[in-house]
Amino acid sequence: MCTQTDEYYVLDRREGEVFVLVGRGGELNVTELPGEPREGDVFILGKDGFIPCPQERARRERRIKNKMLRLFKRRS
C-alpha cells in the first residue's frame, strides 16, 4: 500500500532495455520493473525493489483530468 509519505517515482519513458523513472531527486535508470510497466505508472522503492502504486496513478490521472476540464470550461 502506498502512502503519502512514500517517495514516488513515475515511469517517464523507456530507452531500449532501460526504464527512466522520475522522482523528486531527478531521473533514475533501472533495468527491471514488476509487471508490464507503461509510461505514467507510479512506483515506490521498497526493500525488495520497486512496487507499483496503481491507486496513485489513478489519483494523478483524475487530478489532471479535472484540471483540463476546468481549463477548457473557462474558454467555452
PDB file of N, CA and C in Angstrom:
ATOM      1  N   MET A   1       0.845  -1.189   0.000  1.00  0.00           N
ATOM      2  CA  MET A   1       0.000   0.000   0.000  1.00  0.00           C
ATOM      3  C   MET A   1       0.879   1.236   0.000  1.00  0.00           C
ATOM      4  N   CYS A   2       0.628   2.129  -0.874  1.00  0.00           N
ATOM      5  CA  CYS A   2       1.390   3.371  -0.969  1.00  0.00           C
ATOM      6  C   CYS A   2       0.763   4.406  -0.047  1.00  0.00           C
ATOM      7  N   THR A   3       1.609   5.186   0.575  1.00  0.00           N
ATOM      8  CA  THR A   3       1.123   6.248   1.448  1.00  0.00           C
ATOM      9  C   THR A   3       1.669   7.580   0.962  1.00  0.00           C
ATOM     10  N   GLN A   4       1.115   8.664   1.474  1.00  0.00           N
ATOM     11  CA  GLN A   4       1.563   9.984   1.046  1.00  0.00           C
ATOM     12  C   GLN A   4       2.966  10.293   1.528  1.00  0.00           C
ATOM     13  N   THR A   5       3.472   9.516   2.464  1.00  0.00           N
ATOM     14  CA  THR A   5       4.832   9.764   2.941  1.00  0.00           C
ATOM     15  C   THR A   5       5.878   9.066   2.083  1.00  0.00           C
ATOM     16  N   ASP A   6       5.439   8.169   1.206  1.00  0.00           N
ATOM     17  CA  ASP A   6       6.370   7.477   0.317  1.00  0.00           C
ATOM     18  C   ASP A   6       6.890   8.419  -0.751  1.00  0.00           C
ATOM     19  N   GLU A   7       8.114   8.164  -1.193  1.00  0.00           N
ATOM     20  CA  GLU A   7       8.646   8.922  -2.327  1.00  0.00           C
ATOM     21  C   GLU A   7       8.243   8.184  -3.595  1.00  0.00           C
ATOM     22  N   TYR A   8       7.582   8.895  -4.483  1.00  0.00           N
ATOM     23  CA  TYR A   8       7.074   8.299  -5.709  1.00  0.00           C
ATOM     24  C   TYR A   8       8.049   8.479  -6.858  1.00  0.00           C
ATOM     25  N   TYR A   9       8.047   7.489  -7.741  1.00  0.00           N
ATOM     26  CA  TYR A   9       8.805   7.533  -8.987  1.00  0.00           C
ATOM     27  C   TYR A   9       7.829   7.236 -10.112  1.00  0.00           C
ATOM     28  N   VAL A  10       7.846   8.055 -11.143  1.00  0.00           N
ATOM     29  CA  VAL A  10       6.934   7.890 -12.273  1.00  0.00           C
ATOM     30  C   VAL A  10       7.739   7.429 -13.484  1.00  0.00           C
ATOM     31  N   LEU A  11       7.232   6.410 -14.170  1.00  0.00           N
ATOM     32  CA  LEU A  11       7.891   5.935 -15.375  1.00  0.00           C
ATOM     33  C   LEU A  11       7.693   6.966 -16.484  1.00  0.00           C
ATOM     34  N   ASP A  12       8.768   7.618 -16.857  1.00  0.00           N
ATOM     35  CA  ASP A  12       8.727   8.667 -17.872  1.00  0.00           C
ATOM     36  C   ASP A  12       8.834   8.084 -19.270  1.00  0.00           C
ATOM     37  N   ARG A  13       9.770   7.165 -19.430  1.00  0.00           N
ATOM     38  CA  ARG A  13       9.991   6.602 -20.773  1.00  0.00           C
ATOM     39  C   ARG A  13      10.863   5.363 -20.664  1.00  0.00           C
ATOM     40  N   ARG A  14      10.945   4.673 -21.794  1.00  0.00           N
ATOM     41  CA  ARG A  14      11.828   3.516 -21.905  1.00  0.00           C
ATOM     42  C   ARG A  14      12.830   3.801 -23.009  1.00  0.00           C
ATOM     43  N   GLU A  15      14.091   3.579 -22.701  1.00  0.00           N
ATOM     44  CA  GLU A  15      15.157   3.771 -23.681  1.00  0.00           C
ATOM     45  C   GLU A  15      15.853   2.424 -23.862  1.00  0.00           C
ATOM     46  N   GLY A  16      15.417   1.690 -24.869  1.00  0.00           N
ATOM     47  CA  GLY A  16      15.950   0.352 -25.075  1.00  0.00           C
ATOM     48  C   GLY A  16      15.515  -0.561 -23.943  1.00  0.00           C
ATOM     49  N   GLU A  17      16.472  -1.114 -23.217  1.00  0.00           N
ATOM     50  CA  GLU A  17      16.174  -2.010 -22.099  1.00  0.00           C
ATOM     51  C   GLU A  17      16.136  -1.279 -20.762  1.00  0.00           C
ATOM     52  N   VAL A  18      16.258   0.040 -20.788  1.00  0.00           N
ATOM     53  CA  VAL A  18      16.323   0.833 -19.556  1.00  0.00           C
ATOM     54  C   VAL A  18      15.029   1.616 -19.369  1.00  0.00           C
ATOM     55  N   PHE A  19      14.470   1.543 -18.153  1.00  0.00           N
ATOM     56  CA  PHE A  19      13.313   2.343 -17.774  1.00  0.00           C
ATOM     57  C   PHE A  19      13.819   3.605 -17.095  1.00  0.00           C
ATOM     58  N   VAL A  20      13.297   4.747 -17.499  1.00  0.00           N
ATOM     59  CA  VAL A  20      13.699   6.017 -16.900  1.00  0.00           C
ATOM     60  C   VAL A  20      12.573   6.472 -15.975  1.00  0.00           C
ATOM     61  N   LEU A  21      12.866   6.469 -14.683  1.00  0.00           N
ATOM     62  CA  LEU A  21      11.918   6.906 -13.673  1.00  0.00           C
ATOM     63  C   LEU A  21      12.274   8.319 -13.246  1.00  0.00           C
ATOM     64  N   VAL A  22      11.260   9.120 -12.950  1.00  0.00           N
ATOM     65  CA  VAL A  22      11.486  10.487 -12.499  1.00  0.00           C
ATOM     66  C   VAL A  22      10.881  10.636 -11.105  1.00  0.00           C
ATOM     67  N   GLY A  23      11.701  11.155 -10.196  1.00  0.00           N
ATOM     68  CA  GLY A  23      11.257  11.421  -8.833  1.00  0.00           C
ATOM     69  C   GLY A  23      11.690  12.809  -8.428  1.00  0.00           C
ATOM     70  N   ARG A  24      11.488  13.135  -7.180  1.00  0.00           N
ATOM     71  CA  ARG A  24      11.875  14.468  -6.696  1.00  0.00           C
ATOM     72  C   ARG A  24      13.362  14.725  -6.858  1.00  0.00           C
ATOM     73  N   GLY A  25      14.163  13.692  -6.740  1.00  0.00           N
ATOM     74  CA  GLY A  25      15.607  13.848  -6.831  1.00  0.00           C
ATOM     75  C   GLY A  25      16.152  13.827  -8.245  1.00  0.00           C
ATOM     76  N   GLY A  26      15.290  13.702  -9.230  1.00  0.00           N
ATOM     77  CA  GLY A  26      15.739  13.657 -10.618  1.00  0.00           C
ATOM     78  C   GLY A  26      15.420  12.330 -11.266  1.00  0.00           C
ATOM     79  N   GLU A  27      16.195  11.987 -12.282  1.00  0.00           N
ATOM     80  CA  GLU A  27      15.960  10.755 -13.035  1.00  0.00           C
ATOM     81  C   GLU A  27      16.729   9.589 -12.433  1.00  0.00           C
ATOM     82  N   LEU A  28      16.132   8.411 -12.596  1.00  0.00           N
ATOM     83  CA  LEU A  28      16.735   7.183 -12.117  1.00  0.00           C
ATOM     84  C   LEU A  28      16.568   6.142 -13.214  1.00  0.00           C
ATOM     85  N   ASN A  29      17.658   5.519 -13.640  1.00  0.00           N
ATOM     86  CA  ASN A  29      17.607   4.499 -14.690  1.00  0.00           C
ATOM     87  C   ASN A  29      17.630   3.118 -14.057  1.00  0.00           C
ATOM     88  N   VAL A  30      16.656   2.285 -14.410  1.00  0.00           N
ATOM     89  CA  VAL A  30      16.587   0.919 -13.889  1.00  0.00           C
ATOM     90  C   VAL A  30      16.336  -0.045 -15.048  1.00  0.00           C
ATOM     91  N   THR A  31      16.756  -1.272 -14.860  1.00  0.00           N
ATOM     92  CA  THR A  31      16.593  -2.262 -15.925  1.00  0.00           C
ATOM     93  C   THR A  31      15.432  -3.218 -15.680  1.00  0.00           C
ATOM     94  N   GLU A  32      14.870  -3.218 -14.457  1.00  0.00           N
ATOM     95  CA  GLU A  32      13.758  -4.121 -14.163  1.00  0.00           C
ATOM     96  C   GLU A  32      12.678  -3.426 -13.359  1.00  0.00           C
ATOM     97  N   LEU A  33      11.435  -3.628 -13.796  1.00  0.00           N
ATOM     98  CA  LEU A  33      10.269  -3.170 -13.062  1.00  0.00           C
ATOM     99  C   LEU A  33       9.254  -4.303 -13.084  1.00  0.00           C
ATOM    100  N   PRO A  34       8.430  -4.422 -12.048  1.00  0.00           N
ATOM    101  CA  PRO A  34       7.465  -5.522 -11.998  1.00  0.00           C
ATOM    102  C   PRO A  34       6.326  -5.349 -13.001  1.00  0.00           C
ATOM    103  N   GLY A  35       5.782  -6.469 -13.438  1.00  0.00           N
ATOM    104  CA  GLY A  35       4.635  -6.448 -14.342  1.00  0.00           C
ATOM    105  C   GLY A  35       5.010  -5.964 -15.726  1.00  0.00           C
ATOM    106  N   GLU A  36       4.045  -5.350 -16.372  1.00  0.00           N
ATOM    107  CA  GLU A  36       4.242  -4.767 -17.698  1.00  0.00           C
ATOM    108  C   GLU A  36       4.080  -3.261 -17.579  1.00  0.00           C
ATOM    109  N   PRO A  37       5.132  -2.569 -17.154  1.00  0.00           N
ATOM    110  CA  PRO A  37       5.011  -1.135 -16.897  1.00  0.00           C
ATOM    111  C   PRO A  37       4.776  -0.330 -18.171  1.00  0.00           C
ATOM    112  N   ARG A  38       4.052   0.778 -18.002  1.00  0.00           N
ATOM    113  CA  ARG A  38       3.816   1.694 -19.118  1.00  0.00           C
ATOM    114  C   ARG A  38       4.046   3.119 -18.628  1.00  0.00           C
ATOM    115  N   GLU A  39       4.260   4.003 -19.550  1.00  0.00           N
ATOM    116  CA  GLU A  39       4.527   5.395 -19.203  1.00  0.00           C
ATOM    117  C   GLU A  39       3.422   5.930 -18.304  1.00  0.00           C
ATOM    118  N   GLY A  40       3.828   6.628 -17.257  1.00  0.00           N
ATOM    119  CA  GLY A  40       2.875   7.192 -16.314  1.00  0.00           C
ATOM    120  C   GLY A  40       2.648   6.342 -15.084  1.00  0.00           C
ATOM    121  N   ASP A  41       3.095   5.083 -15.105  1.00  0.00           N
ATOM    122  CA  ASP A  41       2.954   4.232 -13.922  1.00  0.00           C
ATOM    123  C   ASP A  41       3.760   4.815 -12.771  1.00  0.00           C
ATOM    124  N   VAL A  42       3.233   4.659 -11.563  1.00  0.00           N
ATOM    125  CA  VAL A  42       3.865   5.204 -10.365  1.00  0.00           C
ATOM    126  C   VAL A  42       4.378   4.052  -9.507  1.00  0.00           C
ATOM    127  N   PHE A  43       5.579   4.239  -8.952  1.00  0.00           N
ATOM    128  CA  PHE A  43       6.224   3.222  -8.116  1.00  0.00           C
ATOM    129  C   PHE A  43       6.782   3.855  -6.859  1.00  0.00           C
ATOM    130  N   ILE A  44       6.935   3.014  -5.829  1.00  0.00           N
ATOM    131  CA  ILE A  44       7.743   3.384  -4.669  1.00  0.00           C
ATOM    132  C   ILE A  44       8.883   2.384  -4.602  1.00  0.00           C
ATOM    133  N   LEU A  45       9.952   2.768  -3.932  1.00  0.00           N
ATOM    134  CA  LEU A  45      11.098   1.878  -3.780  1.00  0.00           C
ATOM    135  C   LEU A  45      10.988   1.192  -2.434  1.00  0.00           C
ATOM    136  N   GLY A  46      10.744  -0.121  -2.468  1.00  0.00           N
ATOM    137  CA  GLY A  46      10.664  -0.924  -1.259  1.00  0.00           C
ATOM    138  C   GLY A  46      11.982  -1.627  -1.009  1.00  0.00           C
ATOM    139  N   LYS A  47      12.027  -2.411   0.044  1.00  0.00           N
ATOM    140  CA  LYS A  47      13.276  -3.100   0.380  1.00  0.00           C
ATOM    141  C   LYS A  47      13.656  -4.159  -0.653  1.00  0.00           C
ATOM    142  N   ASP A  48      12.676  -4.668  -1.397  1.00  0.00           N
ATOM    143  CA  ASP A  48      12.950  -5.690  -2.411  1.00  0.00           C
ATOM    144  C   ASP A  48      12.850  -5.169  -3.836  1.00  0.00           C
ATOM    145  N   GLY A  49      12.834  -3.862  -4.004  1.00  0.00           N
ATOM    146  CA  GLY A  49      12.752  -3.285  -5.341  1.00  0.00           C
ATOM    147  C   GLY A  49      11.562  -2.357  -5.472  1.00  0.00           C
ATOM    148  N   PHE A  50      11.213  -2.047  -6.698  1.00  0.00           N
ATOM    149  CA  PHE A  50      10.127  -1.112  -6.952  1.00  0.00           C
ATOM    150  C   PHE A  50       8.774  -1.796  -6.836  1.00  0.00           C
ATOM    151  N   ILE A  51       7.829  -1.084  -6.230  1.00  0.00           N
ATOM    152  CA  ILE A  51       6.476  -1.589  -6.006  1.00  0.00           C
ATOM    153  C   ILE A  51       5.508  -0.668  -6.738  1.00  0.00           C
ATOM    154  N   PRO A  52       4.641  -1.229  -7.602  1.00  0.00           N
ATOM    155  CA  PRO A  52       3.689  -0.387  -8.318  1.00  0.00           C
ATOM    156  C   PRO A  52       2.635   0.204  -7.377  1.00  0.00           C
ATOM    157  N   CYS A  53       2.186   1.411  -7.689  1.00  0.00           N
ATOM    158  CA  CYS A  53       1.149   2.112  -6.915  1.00  0.00           C
ATOM    159  C   CYS A  53       0.019   2.524  -7.853  1.00  0.00           C
ATOM    160  N   PRO A  54      -0.830   1.583  -8.248  1.00  0.00           N
ATOM    161  CA  PRO A  54      -1.887   1.922  -9.195  1.00  0.00           C
ATOM    162  C   PRO A  54      -2.861   2.967  -8.663  1.00  0.00           C
ATOM    163  N   GLN A  55      -3.093   2.986  -7.346  1.00  0.00           N
ATOM    164  CA  GLN A  55      -4.016   3.974  -6.792  1.00  0.00           C
ATOM    165  C   GLN A  55      -3.440   5.390  -6.905  1.00  0.00           C
ATOM    166  N   GLU A  56      -2.129   5.541  -6.842  1.00  0.00           N
ATOM    167  CA  GLU A  56      -1.515   6.859  -7.006  1.00  0.00           C
ATOM    168  C   GLU A  56      -1.585   7.297  -8.465  1.00  0.00           C
ATOM    169  N   ARG A  57      -1.388   6.352  -9.379  1.00  0.00           N
ATOM    170  CA  ARG A  57      -1.532   6.696 -10.801  1.00  0.00           C
ATOM    171  C   ARG A  57      -2.952   7.169 -11.085  1.00  0.00           C
ATOM    172  N   ALA A  58      -3.944   6.445 -10.552  1.00  0.00           N
ATOM    173  CA  ALA A  58      -5.348   6.814 -10.763  1.00  0.00           C
ATOM    174  C   ALA A  58      -5.648   8.184 -10.163  1.00  0.00           C
ATOM    175  N   ARG A  59      -5.108   8.472  -8.986  1.00  0.00           N
ATOM    176  CA  ARG A  59      -5.316   9.768  -8.349  1.00  0.00           C
ATOM    177  C   ARG A  59      -4.749  10.893  -9.212  1.00  0.00           C
ATOM    178  N   ARG A  60      -3.555  10.674  -9.750  1.00  0.00           N
ATOM    179  CA  ARG A  60      -2.924  11.685 -10.603  1.00  0.00           C
ATOM    180  C   ARG A  60      -3.695  11.879 -11.900  1.00  0.00           C
ATOM    181  N   GLU A  61      -4.189  10.792 -12.484  1.00  0.00           N
ATOM    182  CA  GLU A  61      -4.968  10.906 -13.722  1.00  0.00           C
ATOM    183  C   GLU A  61      -6.256  11.691 -13.485  1.00  0.00           C
ATOM    184  N   ARG A  62      -6.927  11.445 -12.341  1.00  0.00           N
ATOM    185  CA  ARG A  62      -8.147  12.202 -12.011  1.00  0.00           C
ATOM    186  C   ARG A  62      -7.834  13.683 -11.833  1.00  0.00           C
ATOM    187  N   ARG A  63      -6.743  13.985 -11.138  1.00  0.00           N
ATOM    188  CA  ARG A  63      -6.363  15.378 -10.901  1.00  0.00           C
ATOM    189  C   ARG A  63      -6.099  16.105 -12.225  1.00  0.00           C
ATOM    190  N   ILE A  64      -5.377  15.451 -13.128  1.00  0.00           N
ATOM    191  CA  ILE A  64      -5.081  16.054 -14.428  1.00  0.00           C
ATOM    192  C   ILE A  64      -6.355  16.232 -15.248  1.00  0.00           C
ATOM    193  N   LYS A  65      -7.211  15.225 -15.241  1.00  0.00           N
ATOM    194  CA  LYS A  65      -8.464  15.312 -15.984  1.00  0.00           C
ATOM    195  C   LYS A  65      -9.307  16.474 -15.470  1.00  0.00           C
ATOM    196  N   ASN A  66      -9.414  16.619 -14.157  1.00  0.00           N
ATOM    197  CA  ASN A  66     -10.194  17.713 -13.575  1.00  0.00           C
ATOM    198  C   ASN A  66      -9.606  19.074 -13.930  1.00  0.00           C
ATOM    199  N   LYS A  67      -8.296  19.188 -13.918  1.00  0.00           N
ATOM    200  CA  LYS A  67      -7.660  20.452 -14.302  1.00  0.00           C
ATOM    201  C   LYS A  67      -7.948  20.795 -15.757  1.00  0.00           C
ATOM    202  N   MET A  68      -7.880  19.793 -16.617  1.00  0.00           N
ATOM    203  CA  MET A  68      -8.147  20.031 -18.039  1.00  0.00           C
ATOM    204  C   MET A  68      -9.601  20.449 -18.252  1.00  0.00           C
ATOM    205  N   LEU A  69     -10.524  19.791 -17.539  1.00  0.00           N
ATOM    206  CA  LEU A  69     -11.939  20.162 -17.673  1.00  0.00           C
ATOM    207  C   LEU A  69     -12.176  21.596 -17.230  1.00  0.00           C
ATOM    208  N   ARG A  70     -11.565  22.012 -16.121  1.00  0.00           N
ATOM    209  CA  ARG A  70     -11.717  23.393 -15.651  1.00  0.00           C
ATOM    210  C   ARG A  70     -11.095  24.374 -16.642  1.00  0.00           C
ATOM    211  N   LEU A  71      -9.951  24.033 -17.183  1.00  0.00           N
ATOM    212  CA  LEU A  71      -9.265  24.915 -18.123  1.00  0.00           C
ATOM    213  C   LEU A  71     -10.105  25.129 -19.381  1.00  0.00           C
ATOM    214  N   PHE A  72     -10.582  24.043 -19.969  1.00  0.00           N
ATOM    215  CA  PHE A  72     -11.330  24.167 -21.217  1.00  0.00           C
ATOM    216  C   PHE A  72     -12.738  24.709 -20.997  1.00  0.00           C
ATOM    217  N   LYS A  73     -13.285  24.543 -19.800  1.00  0.00           N
ATOM    218  CA  LYS A  73     -14.588  25.102 -19.485  1.00  0.00           C
ATOM    219  C   LYS A  73     -14.519  26.621 -19.471  1.00  0.00           C
ATOM    220  N   ARG A  74     -13.417  27.166 -19.006  1.00  0.00           N
ATOM    221  CA  ARG A  74     -13.244  28.618 -18.969  1.00  0.00           C
ATOM    222  C   ARG A  74     -13.207  29.224 -20.363  1.00  0.00           C
ATOM    223  N   ARG A  75     -12.714  28.483 -21.325  1.00  0.00           N
ATOM    224  CA  ARG A  75     -12.576  29.004 -22.684  1.00  0.00           C
ATOM    225  C   ARG A  75     -13.888  28.949 -23.464  1.00  0.00           C
ATOM    226  N   SER A  76     -14.831  28.154 -22.994  1.00  0.00           N
ATOM    227  CA  SER A  76     -16.101  27.998 -23.720  1.00  0.00           C
ATOM    228  C   SER A  76     -17.005  29.176 -23.571  1.00  0.00           C
TER     229      SER A  76
END
